[in-house]
Protein backbone atom coordinates (compact mmCIF):
# COMPACT_ATOMS: atom_id res chain seq x y z
CA MET A 1 71.81 -101.05 63.28
CA ASP A 2 70.47 -104.57 63.19
CA GLU A 3 71.30 -107.25 60.62
CA PRO A 4 69.11 -110.30 61.22
CA SER A 5 69.50 -113.66 59.50
CA LEU A 6 72.89 -113.37 57.85
CA PRO A 7 74.13 -116.73 56.49
CA THR A 8 76.65 -118.59 58.64
CA PRO A 9 78.20 -122.05 58.65
CA GLY A 10 76.34 -124.76 60.51
CA ALA A 11 72.85 -123.41 59.68
CA PHE A 12 72.91 -120.73 62.37
CA SER A 13 71.16 -117.40 61.98
CA LEU A 14 73.25 -114.37 62.93
CA ARG A 15 71.99 -111.18 64.52
CA LEU A 16 74.29 -108.15 64.87
CA GLU A 17 73.28 -105.12 66.96
CA SER A 18 75.01 -101.97 68.03
CA ALA A 19 75.33 -102.04 71.83
CA GLY A 20 76.61 -98.55 72.58
CA GLU A 21 80.38 -98.55 72.18
CA ALA A 22 80.44 -102.24 71.18
CA TRP A 23 78.60 -104.59 68.85
CA SER A 24 76.74 -107.64 70.10
CA TRP A 25 76.33 -110.76 68.03
CA ARG A 26 74.10 -113.79 68.57
CA LEU A 27 74.04 -117.07 66.65
CA THR A 28 70.84 -119.09 66.95
CA ALA A 29 70.51 -122.71 65.83
CA ALA A 30 67.33 -124.27 64.49
CA ASP A 31 66.75 -125.98 67.85
CA GLY A 32 66.75 -122.59 69.62
CA SER A 33 70.16 -122.87 71.27
CA SER A 34 72.31 -119.77 70.94
CA ILE A 35 75.83 -118.41 71.35
CA ALA A 36 76.47 -114.71 71.90
CA GLY A 37 79.29 -112.25 72.43
CA LEU A 38 80.50 -108.66 72.20
CA ALA A 39 83.08 -107.10 69.92
CA PRO A 40 84.55 -103.59 69.60
CA ASP A 41 83.30 -103.03 66.04
CA ARG A 42 80.96 -104.48 63.42
CA ALA A 43 83.64 -106.23 61.35
CA THR A 44 85.13 -107.92 64.41
CA ALA A 45 81.65 -108.97 65.54
CA ARG A 46 81.05 -110.68 62.19
CA ARG A 47 84.45 -112.45 62.36
CA SER A 48 83.87 -113.53 65.97
CA ALA A 49 80.44 -114.90 65.11
CA ALA A 50 81.82 -116.75 62.07
CA PHE A 51 84.56 -118.33 64.20
CA ALA A 52 82.00 -119.36 66.83
CA ALA A 53 79.73 -120.82 64.13
CA TYR A 54 82.54 -122.92 62.66
CA ALA A 55 83.57 -124.12 66.13
CA ALA A 56 80.00 -124.99 67.14
CA ALA A 57 79.40 -126.81 63.84
CA ALA A 58 82.63 -128.81 64.31
CA LEU A 59 81.67 -129.77 67.86
CA ASP A 60 78.23 -130.85 66.65
CA ARG A 61 79.77 -133.00 63.90
CA GLY A 62 82.08 -134.58 66.48
CA ARG A 63 79.14 -135.42 68.76
CA ARG A 64 77.24 -137.05 65.91
CA ARG A 65 80.23 -139.24 64.96
CA ARG A 66 80.64 -140.79 68.40
CA PRO A 67 79.11 -144.25 68.75
């Protein structure tokens, strides 16, 4: 099962895919950069991706604040 373009924090698009006995997730930013990972089930994949999106958005905000 594939769920493209689910809303996430930080303006990332989320893609979830079944990868055999695990689920893969990939966050893609507007500039094309991406973060990916594996999780044991769909719900955990969504939570992992959400955590990664919040962390990446926070790091991006921190970079923009530096002089």
